[in-house]
Amino acid sequence: MDHHDENFRDDSGIIWFIPGLAILVGMNCLPATIFWSRLLLG
């Protein structure tokens, strides 16, 4: 039972980790995208 609970918690952590990672990547990529678009257009 203990191992099953640990696996369940890991799955729950992954479920919360993926959207958090997507938000972090989006926040990090947005300034880079603005920079590249301004560099190419300007």
PDB file of N, CA and C in Angstrom:
ATOM      1  N   MET A   1       0.832  -1.207   0.000  1.00  0.00           N
ATOM      2  CA  MET A   1       0.000   0.000   0.000  1.00  0.00           C
ATOM      3  C   MET A   1       0.872   1.265   0.000  1.00  0.00           C
ATOM      4  N   ASP A   2       1.965   1.218   0.740  1.00  0.00           N
ATOM      5  CA  ASP A   2       2.824   2.405   0.790  1.00  0.00           C
ATOM      6  C   ASP A   2       3.389   2.734  -0.581  1.00  0.00           C
ATOM      7  N   HIS A   3       3.853   1.694  -1.294  1.00  0.00           N
ATOM      8  CA  HIS A   3       4.410   1.952  -2.631  1.00  0.00           C
ATOM      9  C   HIS A   3       3.333   2.475  -3.573  1.00  0.00           C
ATOM     10  N   HIS A   4       2.120   1.955  -3.441  1.00  0.00           N
ATOM     11  CA  HIS A   4       1.022   2.422  -4.296  1.00  0.00           C
ATOM     12  C   HIS A   4       0.728   3.901  -4.014  1.00  0.00           C
ATOM     13  N   ASP A   5       0.746   4.294  -2.736  1.00  0.00           N
ATOM     14  CA  ASP A   5       0.495   5.692  -2.385  1.00  0.00           C
ATOM     15  C   ASP A   5       1.588   6.592  -2.947  1.00  0.00           C
ATOM     16  N   GLU A   6       2.835   6.145  -2.886  1.00  0.00           N
ATOM     17  CA  GLU A   6       3.931   6.940  -3.431  1.00  0.00           C
ATOM     18  C   GLU A   6       3.761   7.129  -4.933  1.00  0.00           C
ATOM     19  N   ASN A   7       3.368   6.066  -5.627  1.00  0.00           N
ATOM     20  CA  ASN A   7       3.161   6.182  -7.071  1.00  0.00           C
ATOM     21  C   ASN A   7       2.024   7.151  -7.370  1.00  0.00           C
ATOM     22  N   PHE A   8       0.965   7.087  -6.585  1.00  0.00           N
ATOM     23  CA  PHE A   8      -0.179   7.990  -6.786  1.00  0.00           C
ATOM     24  C   PHE A   8       0.249   9.442  -6.577  1.00  0.00           C
ATOM     25  N   ARG A   9       1.050   9.675  -5.552  1.00  0.00           N
ATOM     26  CA  ARG A   9       1.526  11.045  -5.289  1.00  0.00           C
ATOM     27  C   ARG A   9       2.426  11.511  -6.423  1.00  0.00           C
ATOM     28  N   ASP A  10       3.254  10.634  -6.957  1.00  0.00           N
ATOM     29  CA  ASP A  10       4.113  11.010  -8.081  1.00  0.00           C
ATOM     30  C   ASP A  10       3.269  11.389  -9.296  1.00  0.00           C
ATOM     31  N   ASP A  11       2.207  10.600  -9.559  1.00  0.00           N
ATOM     32  CA  ASP A  11       1.339  10.922 -10.691  1.00  0.00           C
ATOM     33  C   ASP A  11       0.670  12.277 -10.470  1.00  0.00           C
ATOM     34  N   SER A  12       0.220  12.537  -9.254  1.00  0.00           N
ATOM     35  CA  SER A  12      -0.418  13.811  -8.955  1.00  0.00           C
ATOM     36  C   SER A  12       0.585  14.947  -9.131  1.00  0.00           C
ATOM     37  N   GLY A  13       1.824  14.728  -8.708  1.00  0.00           N
ATOM     38  CA  GLY A  13       2.855  15.747  -8.878  1.00  0.00           C
ATOM     39  C   GLY A  13       3.104  16.034 -10.351  1.00  0.00           C
ATOM     40  N   ILE A  14       3.104  14.997 -11.175  1.00  0.00           N
ATOM     41  CA  ILE A  14       3.314  15.183 -12.611  1.00  0.00           C
ATOM     42  C   ILE A  14       2.138  15.960 -13.205  1.00  0.00           C
ATOM     43  N   ILE A  15       0.920  15.655 -12.739  1.00  0.00           N
ATOM     44  CA  ILE A  15      -0.270  16.345 -13.249  1.00  0.00           C
ATOM     45  C   ILE A  15      -0.168  17.847 -12.957  1.00  0.00           C
ATOM     46  N   TRP A  16       0.359  18.208 -11.789  1.00  0.00           N
ATOM     47  CA  TRP A  16       0.507  19.620 -11.451  1.00  0.00           C
ATOM     48  C   TRP A  16       1.781  20.204 -12.047  1.00  0.00           C
ATOM     49  N   PHE A  17       2.796  19.361 -12.289  1.00  0.00           N
ATOM     50  CA  PHE A  17       4.092  19.843 -12.764  1.00  0.00           C
ATOM     51  C   PHE A  17       4.032  20.277 -14.220  1.00  0.00           C
ATOM     52  N   ILE A  18       3.292  19.535 -15.059  1.00  0.00           N
ATOM     53  CA  ILE A  18       3.259  19.821 -16.493  1.00  0.00           C
ATOM     54  C   ILE A  18       2.667  21.206 -16.792  1.00  0.00           C
ATOM     55  N   PRO A  19       1.507  21.576 -16.235  1.00  0.00           N
ATOM     56  CA  PRO A  19       0.997  22.934 -16.496  1.00  0.00           C
ATOM     57  C   PRO A  19       1.920  24.012 -15.942  1.00  0.00           C
ATOM     58  N   GLY A  20       2.507  23.758 -14.777  1.00  0.00           N
ATOM     59  CA  GLY A  20       3.447  24.727 -14.209  1.00  0.00           C
ATOM     60  C   GLY A  20       4.648  24.908 -15.118  1.00  0.00           C
ATOM     61  N   LEU A  21       5.162  23.810 -15.659  1.00  0.00           N
ATOM     62  CA  LEU A  21       6.296  23.876 -16.568  1.00  0.00           C
ATOM     63  C   LEU A  21       5.901  24.610 -17.838  1.00  0.00           C
ATOM     64  N   ALA A  22       4.697  24.348 -18.346  1.00  0.00           N
ATOM     65  CA  ALA A  22       4.224  25.027 -19.557  1.00  0.00           C
ATOM     66  C   ALA A  22       4.135  26.534 -19.320  1.00  0.00           C
ATOM     67  N   ILE A  23       3.660  26.936 -18.128  1.00  0.00           N
ATOM     68  CA  ILE A  23       3.563  28.365 -17.821  1.00  0.00           C
ATOM     69  C   ILE A  23       4.948  28.990 -17.740  1.00  0.00           C
ATOM     70  N   LEU A  24       5.886  28.290 -17.078  1.00  0.00           N
ATOM     71  CA  LEU A  24       7.247  28.824 -16.974  1.00  0.00           C
ATOM     72  C   LEU A  24       7.887  28.955 -18.353  1.00  0.00           C
ATOM     73  N   VAL A  25       7.720  27.932 -19.189  1.00  0.00           N
ATOM     74  CA  VAL A  25       8.298  27.975 -20.537  1.00  0.00           C
ATOM     75  C   VAL A  25       7.657  29.101 -21.339  1.00  0.00           C
ATOM     76  N   GLY A  26       6.334  29.265 -21.211  1.00  0.00           N
ATOM     77  CA  GLY A  26       5.648  30.338 -21.931  1.00  0.00           C
ATOM     78  C   GLY A  26       6.152  31.703 -21.493  1.00  0.00           C
ATOM     79  N   MET A  27       6.328  31.900 -20.189  1.00  0.00           N
ATOM     80  CA  MET A  27       6.808  33.180 -19.681  1.00  0.00           C
ATOM     81  C   MET A  27       8.241  33.438 -20.125  1.00  0.00           C
ATOM     82  N   ASN A  28       9.041  32.379 -20.243  1.00  0.00           N
ATOM     83  CA  ASN A  28      10.426  32.547 -20.665  1.00  0.00           C
ATOM     84  C   ASN A  28      10.530  32.740 -22.175  1.00  0.00           C
ATOM     85  N   CYS A  29       9.629  32.116 -22.935  1.00  0.00           N
ATOM     86  CA  CYS A  29       9.690  32.203 -24.396  1.00  0.00           C
ATOM     87  C   CYS A  29       9.076  33.493 -24.910  1.00  0.00           C
ATOM     88  N   LEU A  30       8.125  34.069 -24.185  1.00  0.00           N
ATOM     89  CA  LEU A  30       7.457  35.275 -24.659  1.00  0.00           C
ATOM     90  C   LEU A  30       8.433  36.439 -24.851  1.00  0.00           C
ATOM     91  N   PRO A  31       9.287  36.779 -23.883  1.00  0.00           N
ATOM     92  CA  PRO A  31      10.260  37.852 -24.115  1.00  0.00           C
ATOM     93  C   PRO A  31      11.221  37.511 -25.248  1.00  0.00           C
ATOM     94  N   ALA A  32      11.614  36.248 -25.368  1.00  0.00           N
ATOM     95  CA  ALA A  32      12.518  35.854 -26.447  1.00  0.00           C
ATOM     96  C   ALA A  32      11.825  36.027 -27.792  1.00  0.00           C
ATOM     97  N   THR A  33      10.542  35.666 -27.866  1.00  0.00           N
ATOM     98  CA  THR A  33       9.795  35.828 -29.114  1.00  0.00           C
ATOM     99  C   THR A  33       9.675  37.303 -29.474  1.00  0.00           C
ATOM    100  N   ILE A  34       9.389  38.149 -28.484  1.00  0.00           N
ATOM    101  CA  ILE A  34       9.305  39.593 -28.737  1.00  0.00           C
ATOM    102  C   ILE A  34      10.663  40.116 -29.209  1.00  0.00           C
ATOM    103  N   PHE A  35      11.724  39.659 -28.557  1.00  0.00           N
ATOM    104  CA  PHE A  35      13.072  40.095 -28.932  1.00  0.00           C
ATOM    105  C   PHE A  35      13.393  39.731 -30.365  1.00  0.00           C
ATOM    106  N   TRP A  36      13.128  38.462 -30.746  1.00  0.00           N
ATOM    107  CA  TRP A  36      13.445  38.016 -32.100  1.00  0.00           C
ATOM    108  C   TRP A  36      12.576  38.723 -33.129  1.00  0.00           C
ATOM    109  N   SER A  37      11.285  38.928 -32.820  1.00  0.00           N
ATOM    110  CA  SER A  37      10.409  39.604 -33.780  1.00  0.00           C
ATOM    111  C   SER A  37      10.854  41.050 -33.965  1.00  0.00           C
ATOM    112  N   ARG A  38      11.254  41.725 -32.893  1.00  0.00           N
ATOM    113  CA  ARG A  38      11.727  43.101 -33.012  1.00  0.00           C
ATOM    114  C   ARG A  38      13.060  43.130 -33.742  1.00  0.00           C
ATOM    115  N   LEU A  39      13.897  42.148 -33.501  1.00  0.00           N
ATOM    116  CA  LEU A  39      15.203  42.101 -34.164  1.00  0.00           C
ATOM    117  C   LEU A  39      15.030  41.887 -35.667  1.00  0.00           C
ATOM    118  N   LEU A  40      14.103  40.988 -36.043  1.00  0.00           N
ATOM    119  CA  LEU A  40      13.901  40.683 -37.464  1.00  0.00           C
ATOM    120  C   LEU A  40      13.142  41.810 -38.175  1.00  0.00           C
ATOM    121  N   LEU A  41      12.161  42.383 -37.484  1.00  0.00           N
ATOM    122  CA  LEU A  41      11.351  43.434 -38.114  1.00  0.00           C
ATOM    123  C   LEU A  41      12.030  44.799 -38.043  1.00  0.00           C
ATOM    124  N   GLY A  42      12.820  45.016 -36.998  1.00  0.00           N
ATOM    125  CA  GLY A  42      13.450  46.324 -36.813  1.00  0.00           C
ATOM    126  C   GLY A  42      14.813  46.373 -37.432  1.00  0.00           C
TER     127      GLY A  42
END
